[in-house]
Each structure stands twice: as C-alpha cells, then as structure tokens.
Amino acid sequence: MNEMKLGAAVDYPDRPLDRLSTAFRIFTVIPIAIVLGAVSGGTWQWSYPNGTTAVAAGAGGLLFFGPLLMILFRQKYPRWWFDWNLELQRFRMCIVPVSFHPLR
C-alpha cells in the first residue's frame, strides 16, 4: 500500500502582525460588505405583531429575472452573466476570509 503524505504551506505576511489593525478591520470591511450585499442579492422577510409581513430583496436577487428571460427565449445562458457571477464569487471569497480571520 502506498503511503501518501499530506502537507500544507502557509504564507505569512512580511510585515509584523498587530492587534490594533485586527481590531479596526471591521471598519474597513463595512463599505466592502455594503457593496457586496447590494450586488450579490438576497432576500429578507420579517413579520410584525399586527400580522403584516415585509420582504426586502437585494439587487442581485432582482437581477435574476433578466437572465431567466434570456434563457427562456434564447435557450442559452448569457456569457456576460456567467462572467459576472464568476467574478462576484471570486470577490466574495477574497473579502470574507480576510475580513474575519483574526491573525491578519
């Protein structure tokens, strides 16, 4: 039986790490999180005690209908929308881990 060794390399920053920049990271993330939340979409629903319900949708959720109609009428997924979603996911994966990692 072959033994496989698993290894990981971690790239540490060249600068010294300090707790002050880690503490203020949330303030640098707020504007980026607002933009990311506005373009990535999502829906929120809440109810009031009097029985009424409110729903809010982000822009990404509202932008769902354009590609849906293009798929229905043209029978193909638009390339520009695929590229947009790909880059949006890359952006999200760059921001979320960095903003919440305690040692950077």
PDB file of N, CA and C in Angstrom:
ATOM      1  N   MET A   1       0.838  -1.170   0.000  1.00  0.00           N
ATOM      2  CA  MET A   1       0.000   0.000   0.000  1.00  0.00           C
ATOM      3  C   MET A   1       0.889   1.243   0.000  1.00  0.00           C
ATOM      4  N   ASN A   2       0.581   2.200  -0.852  1.00  0.00           N
ATOM      5  CA  ASN A   2       1.354   3.448  -0.916  1.00  0.00           C
ATOM      6  C   ASN A   2       0.913   4.392   0.191  1.00  0.00           C
ATOM      7  N   GLU A   3       1.890   4.967   0.845  1.00  0.00           N
ATOM      8  CA  GLU A   3       1.579   5.981   1.840  1.00  0.00           C
ATOM      9  C   GLU A   3       1.649   7.345   1.183  1.00  0.00           C
ATOM     10  N   MET A   4       0.624   8.136   1.399  1.00  0.00           N
ATOM     11  CA  MET A   4       0.594   9.482   0.857  1.00  0.00           C
ATOM     12  C   MET A   4       0.755  10.463   2.009  1.00  0.00           C
ATOM     13  N   LYS A   5       1.659  11.400   1.846  1.00  0.00           N
ATOM     14  CA  LYS A   5       1.885  12.392   2.876  1.00  0.00           C
ATOM     15  C   LYS A   5       1.155  13.669   2.490  1.00  0.00           C
ATOM     16  N   LEU A   6       0.535  14.257   3.458  1.00  0.00           N
ATOM     17  CA  LEU A   6      -0.205  15.483   3.253  1.00  0.00           C
ATOM     18  C   LEU A   6       0.555  16.619   3.906  1.00  0.00           C
ATOM     19  N   GLY A   7       0.737  17.694   3.174  1.00  0.00           N
ATOM     20  CA  GLY A   7       1.447  18.840   3.717  1.00  0.00           C
ATOM     21  C   GLY A   7       0.755  20.126   3.314  1.00  0.00           C
ATOM     22  N   ALA A   8       1.005  21.156   4.076  1.00  0.00           N
ATOM     23  CA  ALA A   8       0.426  22.458   3.778  1.00  0.00           C
ATOM     24  C   ALA A   8       1.483  23.532   4.009  1.00  0.00           C
ATOM     25  N   ALA A   9       1.494  24.489   3.134  1.00  0.00           N
ATOM     26  CA  ALA A   9       2.406  25.615   3.279  1.00  0.00           C
ATOM     27  C   ALA A   9       1.581  26.871   3.552  1.00  0.00           C
ATOM     28  N   VAL A  10       1.957  27.615   4.552  1.00  0.00           N
ATOM     29  CA  VAL A  10       1.242  28.827   4.918  1.00  0.00           C
ATOM     30  C   VAL A  10       2.140  30.018   4.615  1.00  0.00           C
ATOM     31  N   ASP A  11       1.606  30.954   3.852  1.00  0.00           N
ATOM     32  CA  ASP A  11       2.349  32.179   3.548  1.00  0.00           C
ATOM     33  C   ASP A  11       1.993  33.229   4.596  1.00  0.00           C
ATOM     34  N   TYR A  12       2.952  33.588   5.398  1.00  0.00           N
ATOM     35  CA  TYR A  12       2.740  34.618   6.392  1.00  0.00           C
ATOM     36  C   TYR A  12       3.143  35.960   5.805  1.00  0.00           C
ATOM     37  N   PRO A  13       2.468  37.040   6.204  1.00  0.00           N
ATOM     38  CA  PRO A  13       2.820  38.351   5.673  1.00  0.00           C
ATOM     39  C   PRO A  13       4.229  38.770   6.092  1.00  0.00           C
ATOM     40  N   ASP A  14       4.836  39.619   5.266  1.00  0.00           N
ATOM     41  CA  ASP A  14       6.193  40.089   5.543  1.00  0.00           C
ATOM     42  C   ASP A  14       6.225  41.152   6.633  1.00  0.00           C
ATOM     43  N   ARG A  15       5.085  41.702   6.949  1.00  0.00           N
ATOM     44  CA  ARG A  15       5.032  42.754   7.966  1.00  0.00           C
ATOM     45  C   ARG A  15       4.675  42.146   9.316  1.00  0.00           C
ATOM     46  N   PRO A  16       5.013  42.821  10.390  1.00  0.00           N
ATOM     47  CA  PRO A  16       4.627  42.300  11.710  1.00  0.00           C
ATOM     48  C   PRO A  16       3.108  42.434  11.913  1.00  0.00           C
ATOM     49  N   LEU A  17       2.526  41.456  12.563  1.00  0.00           N
ATOM     50  CA  LEU A  17       1.093  41.466  12.837  1.00  0.00           C
ATOM     51  C   LEU A  17       0.834  42.163  14.166  1.00  0.00           C
ATOM     52  N   ASP A  18      -0.188  43.004  14.199  1.00  0.00           N
ATOM     53  CA  ASP A  18      -0.521  43.671  15.450  1.00  0.00           C
ATOM     54  C   ASP A  18      -2.020  43.582  15.701  1.00  0.00           C
ATOM     55  N   ARG A  19      -2.399  43.725  16.947  1.00  0.00           N
ATOM     56  CA  ARG A  19      -3.793  43.590  17.339  1.00  0.00           C
ATOM     57  C   ARG A  19      -4.608  44.825  16.991  1.00  0.00           C
ATOM     58  N   LEU A  20      -3.974  45.970  16.870  1.00  0.00           N
ATOM     59  CA  LEU A  20      -4.700  47.190  16.577  1.00  0.00           C
ATOM     60  C   LEU A  20      -5.332  47.137  15.190  1.00  0.00           C
ATOM     61  N   SER A  21      -4.559  46.720  14.195  1.00  0.00           N
ATOM     62  CA  SER A  21      -5.133  46.634  12.843  1.00  0.00           C
ATOM     63  C   SER A  21      -6.207  45.555  12.769  1.00  0.00           C
ATOM     64  N   THR A  22      -6.056  44.504  13.561  1.00  0.00           N
ATOM     65  CA  THR A  22      -7.084  43.468  13.604  1.00  0.00           C
ATOM     66  C   THR A  22      -8.359  44.008  14.238  1.00  0.00           C
ATOM     67  N   ALA A  23      -8.228  44.828  15.256  1.00  0.00           N
ATOM     68  CA  ALA A  23      -9.400  45.390  15.930  1.00  0.00           C
ATOM     69  C   ALA A  23     -10.162  46.349  15.021  1.00  0.00           C
ATOM     70  N   PHE A  24      -9.470  47.095  14.177  1.00  0.00           N
ATOM     71  CA  PHE A  24     -10.125  48.066  13.306  1.00  0.00           C
ATOM     72  C   PHE A  24     -10.504  47.504  11.946  1.00  0.00           C
ATOM     73  N   ARG A  25     -10.312  46.221  11.750  1.00  0.00           N
ATOM     74  CA  ARG A  25     -10.637  45.609  10.460  1.00  0.00           C
ATOM     75  C   ARG A  25     -12.119  45.728  10.131  1.00  0.00           C
ATOM     76  N   ILE A  26     -12.973  45.659  11.126  1.00  0.00           N
ATOM     77  CA  ILE A  26     -14.410  45.737  10.867  1.00  0.00           C
ATOM     78  C   ILE A  26     -14.775  47.054  10.201  1.00  0.00           C
ATOM     79  N   PHE A  27     -14.055  48.130  10.516  1.00  0.00           N
ATOM     80  CA  PHE A  27     -14.360  49.424   9.907  1.00  0.00           C
ATOM     81  C   PHE A  27     -13.937  49.477   8.442  1.00  0.00           C
ATOM     82  N   THR A  28     -12.934  48.703   8.074  1.00  0.00           N
ATOM     83  CA  THR A  28     -12.546  48.664   6.664  1.00  0.00           C
ATOM     84  C   THR A  28     -13.433  47.714   5.872  1.00  0.00           C
ATOM     85  N   VAL A  29     -14.074  46.786   6.550  1.00  0.00           N
ATOM     86  CA  VAL A  29     -14.931  45.811   5.872  1.00  0.00           C
ATOM     87  C   VAL A  29     -16.326  46.368   5.615  1.00  0.00           C
ATOM     88  N   ILE A  30     -16.793  47.304   6.417  1.00  0.00           N
ATOM     89  CA  ILE A  30     -18.167  47.797   6.301  1.00  0.00           C
ATOM     90  C   ILE A  30     -18.499  48.298   4.897  1.00  0.00           C
ATOM     91  N   PRO A  31     -17.710  49.191   4.275  1.00  0.00           N
ATOM     92  CA  PRO A  31     -18.076  49.640   2.922  1.00  0.00           C
ATOM     93  C   PRO A  31     -18.041  48.510   1.890  1.00  0.00           C
ATOM     94  N   ILE A  32     -17.086  47.608   2.025  1.00  0.00           N
ATOM     95  CA  ILE A  32     -16.993  46.491   1.085  1.00  0.00           C
ATOM     96  C   ILE A  32     -18.188  45.566   1.273  1.00  0.00           C
ATOM     97  N   ALA A  33     -18.597  45.334   2.503  1.00  0.00           N
ATOM     98  CA  ALA A  33     -19.746  44.464   2.770  1.00  0.00           C
ATOM     99  C   ALA A  33     -21.039  45.077   2.241  1.00  0.00           C
ATOM    100  N   ILE A  34     -21.159  46.392   2.301  1.00  0.00           N
ATOM    101  CA  ILE A  34     -22.355  47.054   1.766  1.00  0.00           C
ATOM    102  C   ILE A  34     -22.429  46.861   0.255  1.00  0.00           C
ATOM    103  N   VAL A  35     -21.325  47.066  -0.434  1.00  0.00           N
ATOM    104  CA  VAL A  35     -21.310  46.879  -1.891  1.00  0.00           C
ATOM    105  C   VAL A  35     -21.558  45.417  -2.239  1.00  0.00           C
ATOM    106  N   LEU A  36     -20.913  44.516  -1.539  1.00  0.00           N
ATOM    107  CA  LEU A  36     -21.085  43.089  -1.804  1.00  0.00           C
ATOM    108  C   LEU A  36     -22.523  42.653  -1.551  1.00  0.00           C
ATOM    109  N   GLY A  37     -23.125  43.133  -0.492  1.00  0.00           N
ATOM    110  CA  GLY A  37     -24.518  42.800  -0.218  1.00  0.00           C
ATOM    111  C   GLY A  37     -25.476  43.387  -1.228  1.00  0.00           C
ATOM    112  N   ALA A  38     -25.134  44.558  -1.762  1.00  0.00           N
ATOM    113  CA  ALA A  38     -26.016  45.192  -2.743  1.00  0.00           C
ATOM    114  C   ALA A  38     -26.001  44.468  -4.085  1.00  0.00           C
ATOM    115  N   VAL A  39     -24.859  43.954  -4.499  1.00  0.00           N
ATOM    116  CA  VAL A  39     -24.798  43.313  -5.815  1.00  0.00           C
ATOM    117  C   VAL A  39     -24.988  41.811  -5.765  1.00  0.00           C
ATOM    118  N   SER A  40     -24.791  41.185  -4.617  1.00  0.00           N
ATOM    119  CA  SER A  40     -24.926  39.729  -4.588  1.00  0.00           C
ATOM    120  C   SER A  40     -26.351  39.292  -4.313  1.00  0.00           C
ATOM    121  N   GLY A  41     -27.164  40.153  -3.795  1.00  0.00           N
ATOM    122  CA  GLY A  41     -28.572  39.837  -3.620  1.00  0.00           C
ATOM    123  C   GLY A  41     -28.877  39.136  -2.326  1.00  0.00           C
ATOM    124  N   GLY A  42     -30.082  38.683  -2.242  1.00  0.00           N
ATOM    125  CA  GLY A  42     -30.571  38.032  -1.053  1.00  0.00           C
ATOM    126  C   GLY A  42     -31.936  38.590  -0.714  1.00  0.00           C
ATOM    127  N   THR A  43     -32.679  37.846   0.051  1.00  0.00           N
ATOM    128  CA  THR A  43     -33.996  38.320   0.471  1.00  0.00           C
ATOM    129  C   THR A  43     -34.097  38.223   1.981  1.00  0.00           C
ATOM    130  N   TRP A  44     -34.850  39.135   2.550  1.00  0.00           N
ATOM    131  CA  TRP A  44     -35.092  39.158   3.981  1.00  0.00           C
ATOM    132  C   TRP A  44     -36.582  39.316   4.190  1.00  0.00           C
ATOM    133  N   GLN A  45     -37.098  38.617   5.177  1.00  0.00           N
ATOM    134  CA  GLN A  45     -38.514  38.682   5.479  1.00  0.00           C
ATOM    135  C   GLN A  45     -38.686  38.798   6.979  1.00  0.00           C
ATOM    136  N   TRP A  46     -39.575  39.669   7.390  1.00  0.00           N
ATOM    137  CA  TRP A  46     -39.862  39.786   8.806  1.00  0.00           C
ATOM    138  C   TRP A  46     -41.345  40.095   8.985  1.00  0.00           C
ATOM    139  N   SER A  47     -41.854  39.745  10.151  1.00  0.00           N
ATOM    140  CA  SER A  47     -43.275  39.917  10.464  1.00  0.00           C
ATOM    141  C   SER A  47     -43.427  40.857  11.653  1.00  0.00           C
ATOM    142  N   TYR A  48     -44.518  41.581  11.623  1.00  0.00           N
ATOM    143  CA  TYR A  48     -44.841  42.497  12.703  1.00  0.00           C
ATOM    144  C   TYR A  48     -45.917  41.877  13.588  1.00  0.00           C
ATOM    145  N   PRO A  49     -46.022  42.333  14.837  1.00  0.00           N
ATOM    146  CA  PRO A  49     -47.027  41.750  15.748  1.00  0.00           C
ATOM    147  C   PRO A  49     -48.472  41.903  15.255  1.00  0.00           C
ATOM    148  N   ASN A  50     -48.748  42.912  14.427  1.00  0.00           N
ATOM    149  CA  ASN A  50     -50.121  43.111  13.963  1.00  0.00           C
ATOM    150  C   ASN A  50     -50.477  42.192  12.785  1.00  0.00           C
ATOM    151  N   GLY A  51     -49.553  41.326  12.372  1.00  0.00           N
ATOM    152  CA  GLY A  51     -49.849  40.346  11.334  1.00  0.00           C
ATOM    153  C   GLY A  51     -49.324  40.694   9.956  1.00  0.00           C
ATOM    154  N   THR A  52     -48.793  41.878   9.769  1.00  0.00           N
ATOM    155  CA  THR A  52     -48.262  42.236   8.451  1.00  0.00           C
ATOM    156  C   THR A  52     -46.853  41.675   8.290  1.00  0.00           C
ATOM    157  N   THR A  53     -46.488  41.437   7.053  1.00  0.00           N
ATOM    158  CA  THR A  53     -45.180  40.882   6.731  1.00  0.00           C
ATOM    159  C   THR A  53     -44.493  41.800   5.735  1.00  0.00           C
ATOM    160  N   ALA A  54     -43.203  42.006   5.909  1.00  0.00           N
ATOM    161  CA  ALA A  54     -42.420  42.832   4.996  1.00  0.00           C
ATOM    162  C   ALA A  54     -41.329  41.972   4.370  1.00  0.00           C
ATOM    163  N   VAL A  55     -41.030  42.235   3.115  1.00  0.00           N
ATOM    164  CA  VAL A  55     -39.999  41.498   2.388  1.00  0.00           C
ATOM    165  C   VAL A  55     -39.102  42.515   1.691  1.00  0.00           C
ATOM    166  N   ALA A  56     -37.798  42.289   1.743  1.00  0.00           N
ATOM    167  CA  ALA A  56     -36.834  43.128   1.035  1.00  0.00           C
ATOM    168  C   ALA A  56     -35.941  42.221   0.202  1.00  0.00           C
ATOM    169  N   ALA A  57     -35.562  42.693  -0.989  1.00  0.00           N
ATOM    170  CA  ALA A  57     -34.695  41.910  -1.871  1.00  0.00           C
ATOM    171  C   ALA A  57     -33.504  42.764  -2.278  1.00  0.00           C
ATOM    172  N   GLY A  58     -32.334  42.161  -2.299  1.00  0.00           N
ATOM    173  CA  GLY A  58     -31.140  42.856  -2.765  1.00  0.00           C
ATOM    174  C   GLY A  58     -31.111  42.907  -4.284  1.00  0.00           C
ATOM    175  N   ALA A  59     -30.212  43.688  -4.822  1.00  0.00           N
ATOM    176  CA  ALA A  59     -30.164  43.876  -6.275  1.00  0.00           C
ATOM    177  C   ALA A  59     -29.854  42.587  -7.013  1.00  0.00           C
ATOM    178  N   GLY A  60     -29.003  41.753  -6.471  1.00  0.00           N
ATOM    179  CA  GLY A  60     -28.678  40.503  -7.144  1.00  0.00           C
ATOM    180  C   GLY A  60     -29.880  39.592  -7.288  1.00  0.00           C
ATOM    181  N   GLY A  61     -30.755  39.612  -6.279  1.00  0.00           N
ATOM    182  CA  GLY A  61     -31.980  38.838  -6.372  1.00  0.00           C
ATOM    183  C   GLY A  61     -32.918  39.395  -7.420  1.00  0.00           C
ATOM    184  N   LEU A  62     -32.941  40.710  -7.572  1.00  0.00           N
ATOM    185  CA  LEU A  62     -33.793  41.320  -8.591  1.00  0.00           C
ATOM    186  C   LEU A  62     -33.204  41.148  -9.987  1.00  0.00           C
ATOM    187  N   LEU A  63     -31.891  41.029 -10.078  1.00  0.00           N
ATOM    188  CA  LEU A  63     -31.256  40.845 -11.378  1.00  0.00           C
ATOM    189  C   LEU A  63     -31.368  39.411 -11.881  1.00  0.00           C
ATOM    190  N   PHE A  64     -32.071  38.590 -11.151  1.00  0.00           N
ATOM    191  CA  PHE A  64     -32.272  37.200 -11.531  1.00  0.00           C
ATOM    192  C   PHE A  64     -33.182  37.071 -12.751  1.00  0.00           C
ATOM    193  N   PHE A  65     -34.135  37.979 -12.888  1.00  0.00           N
ATOM    194  CA  PHE A  65     -35.152  37.834 -13.930  1.00  0.00           C
ATOM    195  C   PHE A  65     -34.634  38.102 -15.332  1.00  0.00           C
ATOM    196  N   GLY A  66     -33.644  38.956 -15.488  1.00  0.00           N
ATOM    197  CA  GLY A  66     -33.079  39.215 -16.820  1.00  0.00           C
ATOM    198  C   GLY A  66     -32.485  37.964 -17.453  1.00  0.00           C
ATOM    199  N   PRO A  67     -31.547  37.301 -16.783  1.00  0.00           N
ATOM    200  CA  PRO A  67     -31.021  36.053 -17.349  1.00  0.00           C
ATOM    201  C   PRO A  67     -32.074  34.958 -17.475  1.00  0.00           C
ATOM    202  N   LEU A  68     -33.049  34.925 -16.562  1.00  0.00           N
ATOM    203  CA  LEU A  68     -34.106  33.931 -16.679  1.00  0.00           C
ATOM    204  C   LEU A  68     -34.877  34.107 -17.984  1.00  0.00           C
ATOM    205  N   LEU A  69     -35.230  35.338 -18.303  1.00  0.00           N
ATOM    206  CA  LEU A  69     -35.943  35.598 -19.556  1.00  0.00           C
ATOM    207  C   LEU A  69     -35.065  35.289 -20.768  1.00  0.00           C
ATOM    208  N   MET A  70     -33.765  35.566 -20.668  1.00  0.00           N
ATOM    209  CA  MET A  70     -32.865  35.255 -21.783  1.00  0.00           C
ATOM    210  C   MET A  70     -32.768  33.749 -21.992  1.00  0.00           C
ATOM    211  N   ILE A  71     -32.754  32.995 -20.896  1.00  0.00           N
ATOM    212  CA  ILE A  71     -32.715  31.539 -21.023  1.00  0.00           C
ATOM    213  C   ILE A  71     -34.025  31.028 -21.633  1.00  0.00           C
ATOM    214  N   LEU A  72     -35.141  31.590 -21.200  1.00  0.00           N
ATOM    215  CA  LEU A  72     -36.425  31.133 -21.727  1.00  0.00           C
ATOM    216  C   LEU A  72     -36.576  31.419 -23.222  1.00  0.00           C
ATOM    217  N   PHE A  73     -36.176  32.602 -23.656  1.00  0.00           N
ATOM    218  CA  PHE A  73     -36.419  32.993 -25.040  1.00  0.00           C
ATOM    219  C   PHE A  73     -35.270  32.661 -25.989  1.00  0.00           C
ATOM    220  N   ARG A  74     -34.050  32.685 -25.508  1.00  0.00           N
ATOM    221  CA  ARG A  74     -32.909  32.413 -26.388  1.00  0.00           C
ATOM    222  C   ARG A  74     -32.351  31.010 -26.202  1.00  0.00           C
ATOM    223  N   GLN A  75     -32.772  30.298 -25.173  1.00  0.00           N
ATOM    224  CA  GLN A  75     -32.340  28.943 -24.840  1.00  0.00           C
ATOM    225  C   GLN A  75     -30.839  28.833 -24.589  1.00  0.00           C
ATOM    226  N   LYS A  76     -30.246  29.882 -24.090  1.00  0.00           N
ATOM    227  CA  LYS A  76     -28.848  29.790 -23.678  1.00  0.00           C
ATOM    228  C   LYS A  76     -28.574  30.803 -22.569  1.00  0.00           C
ATOM    229  N   TYR A  77     -27.642  30.418 -21.729  1.00  0.00           N
ATOM    230  CA  TYR A  77     -27.262  31.267 -20.602  1.00  0.00           C
ATOM    231  C   TYR A  77     -26.299  32.336 -21.108  1.00  0.00           C
ATOM    232  N   PRO A  78     -26.542  33.591 -20.801  1.00  0.00           N
ATOM    233  CA  PRO A  78     -25.668  34.657 -21.317  1.00  0.00           C
ATOM    234  C   PRO A  78     -24.245  34.566 -20.755  1.00  0.00           C
ATOM    235  N   ARG A  79     -23.266  34.658 -21.619  1.00  0.00           N
ATOM    236  CA  ARG A  79     -21.866  34.556 -21.202  1.00  0.00           C
ATOM    237  C   ARG A  79     -21.481  35.684 -20.254  1.00  0.00           C
ATOM    238  N   TRP A  80     -21.964  36.890 -20.515  1.00  0.00           N
ATOM    239  CA  TRP A  80     -21.619  38.023 -19.664  1.00  0.00           C
ATOM    240  C   TRP A  80     -22.147  37.820 -18.244  1.00  0.00           C
ATOM    241  N   TRP A  81     -23.286  37.148 -18.094  1.00  0.00           N
ATOM    242  CA  TRP A  81     -23.832  36.908 -16.761  1.00  0.00           C
ATOM    243  C   TRP A  81     -23.027  35.842 -16.028  1.00  0.00           C
ATOM    244  N   PHE A  82     -22.582  34.844 -16.762  1.00  0.00           N
ATOM    245  CA  PHE A  82     -21.708  33.826 -16.174  1.00  0.00           C
ATOM    246  C   PHE A  82     -20.412  34.467 -15.686  1.00  0.00           C
ATOM    247  N   ASP A  83     -19.795  35.322 -16.514  1.00  0.00           N
ATOM    248  CA  ASP A  83     -18.560  36.005 -16.115  1.00  0.00           C
ATOM    249  C   ASP A  83     -18.784  36.891 -14.889  1.00  0.00           C
ATOM    250  N   TRP A  84     -19.916  37.598 -14.864  1.00  0.00           N
ATOM    251  CA  TRP A  84     -20.241  38.458 -13.718  1.00  0.00           C
ATOM    252  C   TRP A  84     -20.336  37.623 -12.444  1.00  0.00           C
ATOM    253  N   ASN A  85     -21.066  36.510 -12.492  1.00  0.00           N
ATOM    254  CA  ASN A  85     -21.216  35.671 -11.313  1.00  0.00           C
ATOM    255  C   ASN A  85     -19.896  35.040 -10.889  1.00  0.00           C
ATOM    256  N   LEU A  86     -19.076  34.655 -11.830  1.00  0.00           N
ATOM    257  CA  LEU A  86     -17.771  34.086 -11.516  1.00  0.00           C
ATOM    258  C   LEU A  86     -16.895  35.096 -10.780  1.00  0.00           C
ATOM    259  N   GLU A  87     -16.829  36.301 -11.294  1.00  0.00           N
ATOM    260  CA  GLU A  87     -16.009  37.331 -10.651  1.00  0.00           C
ATOM    261  C   GLU A  87     -16.596  37.766  -9.311  1.00  0.00           C
ATOM    262  N   LEU A  88     -17.915  37.760  -9.193  1.00  0.00           N
ATOM    263  CA  LEU A  88     -18.550  38.097  -7.920  1.00  0.00           C
ATOM    264  C   LEU A  88     -18.196  37.063  -6.857  1.00  0.00           C
ATOM    265  N   GLN A  89     -18.206  35.793  -7.224  1.00  0.00           N
ATOM    266  CA  GLN A  89     -17.834  34.747  -6.265  1.00  0.00           C
ATOM    267  C   GLN A  89     -16.359  34.838  -5.893  1.00  0.00           C
ATOM    268  N   ARG A  90     -15.511  35.160  -6.843  1.00  0.00           N
ATOM    269  CA  ARG A  90     -14.081  35.344  -6.531  1.00  0.00           C
ATOM    270  C   ARG A  90     -13.874  36.508  -5.577  1.00  0.00           C
ATOM    271  N   PHE A  91     -14.602  37.609  -5.832  1.00  0.00           N
ATOM    272  CA  PHE A  91     -14.507  38.778  -4.962  1.00  0.00           C
ATOM    273  C   PHE A  91     -14.982  38.426  -3.552  1.00  0.00           C
ATOM    274  N   ARG A  92     -16.099  37.722  -3.460  1.00  0.00           N
ATOM    275  CA  ARG A  92     -16.630  37.332  -2.161  1.00  0.00           C
ATOM    276  C   ARG A  92     -15.648  36.435  -1.418  1.00  0.00           C
ATOM    277  N   MET A  93     -15.021  35.518  -2.108  1.00  0.00           N
ATOM    278  CA  MET A  93     -14.077  34.611  -1.455  1.00  0.00           C
ATOM    279  C   MET A  93     -12.770  35.304  -1.072  1.00  0.00           C
ATOM    280  N   CYS A  94     -12.483  36.442  -1.667  1.00  0.00           N
ATOM    281  CA  CYS A  94     -11.322  37.234  -1.231  1.00  0.00           C
ATOM    282  C   CYS A  94     -11.656  38.059   0.003  1.00  0.00           C
ATOM    283  N   ILE A  95     -12.862  38.578   0.078  1.00  0.00           N
ATOM    284  CA  ILE A  95     -13.224  39.502   1.145  1.00  0.00           C
ATOM    285  C   ILE A  95     -13.608  38.774   2.428  1.00  0.00           C
ATOM    286  N   VAL A  96     -14.441  37.770   2.353  1.00  0.00           N
ATOM    287  CA  VAL A  96     -14.975  37.134   3.563  1.00  0.00           C
ATOM    288  C   VAL A  96     -13.883  36.496   4.416  1.00  0.00           C
ATOM    289  N   PRO A  97     -12.997  35.657   3.871  1.00  0.00           N
ATOM    290  CA  PRO A  97     -11.988  35.071   4.758  1.00  0.00           C
ATOM    291  C   PRO A  97     -11.011  36.095   5.346  1.00  0.00           C
ATOM    292  N   VAL A  98     -10.649  37.091   4.572  1.00  0.00           N
ATOM    293  CA  VAL A  98      -9.688  38.086   5.049  1.00  0.00           C
ATOM    294  C   VAL A  98     -10.311  38.958   6.127  1.00  0.00           C
ATOM    295  N   SER A  99     -11.575  39.285   5.982  1.00  0.00           N
ATOM    296  CA  SER A  99     -12.200  40.196   6.929  1.00  0.00           C
ATOM    297  C   SER A  99     -12.476  39.554   8.284  1.00  0.00           C
ATOM    298  N   PHE A 100     -12.622  38.237   8.318  1.00  0.00           N
ATOM    299  CA  PHE A 100     -12.956  37.601   9.576  1.00  0.00           C
ATOM    300  C   PHE A 100     -11.821  36.755  10.147  1.00  0.00           C
ATOM    301  N   HIS A 101     -10.682  36.734   9.514  1.00  0.00           N
ATOM    302  CA  HIS A 101      -9.544  35.971  10.039  1.00  0.00           C
ATOM    303  C   HIS A 101      -8.874  36.780  11.129  1.00  0.00           C
ATOM    304  N   PRO A 102      -8.722  36.264  12.331  1.00  0.00           N
ATOM    305  CA  PRO A 102      -8.242  37.069  13.447  1.00  0.00           C
ATOM    306  C   PRO A 102      -6.753  37.411  13.434  1.00  0.00           C
ATOM    307  N   LEU A 103      -5.936  36.722  12.661  1.00  0.00           N
ATOM    308  CA  LEU A 103      -4.496  36.927  12.752  1.00  0.00           C
ATOM    309  C   LEU A 103      -3.918  37.768  11.632  1.00  0.00           C
ATOM    310  N   ARG A 104      -4.687  38.253  10.742  1.00  0.00           N
ATOM    311  CA  ARG A 104      -4.121  39.020   9.627  1.00  0.00           C
ATOM    312  C   ARG A 104      -4.138  40.480   9.912  1.00  0.00           C
TER     313      ARG A 104
END
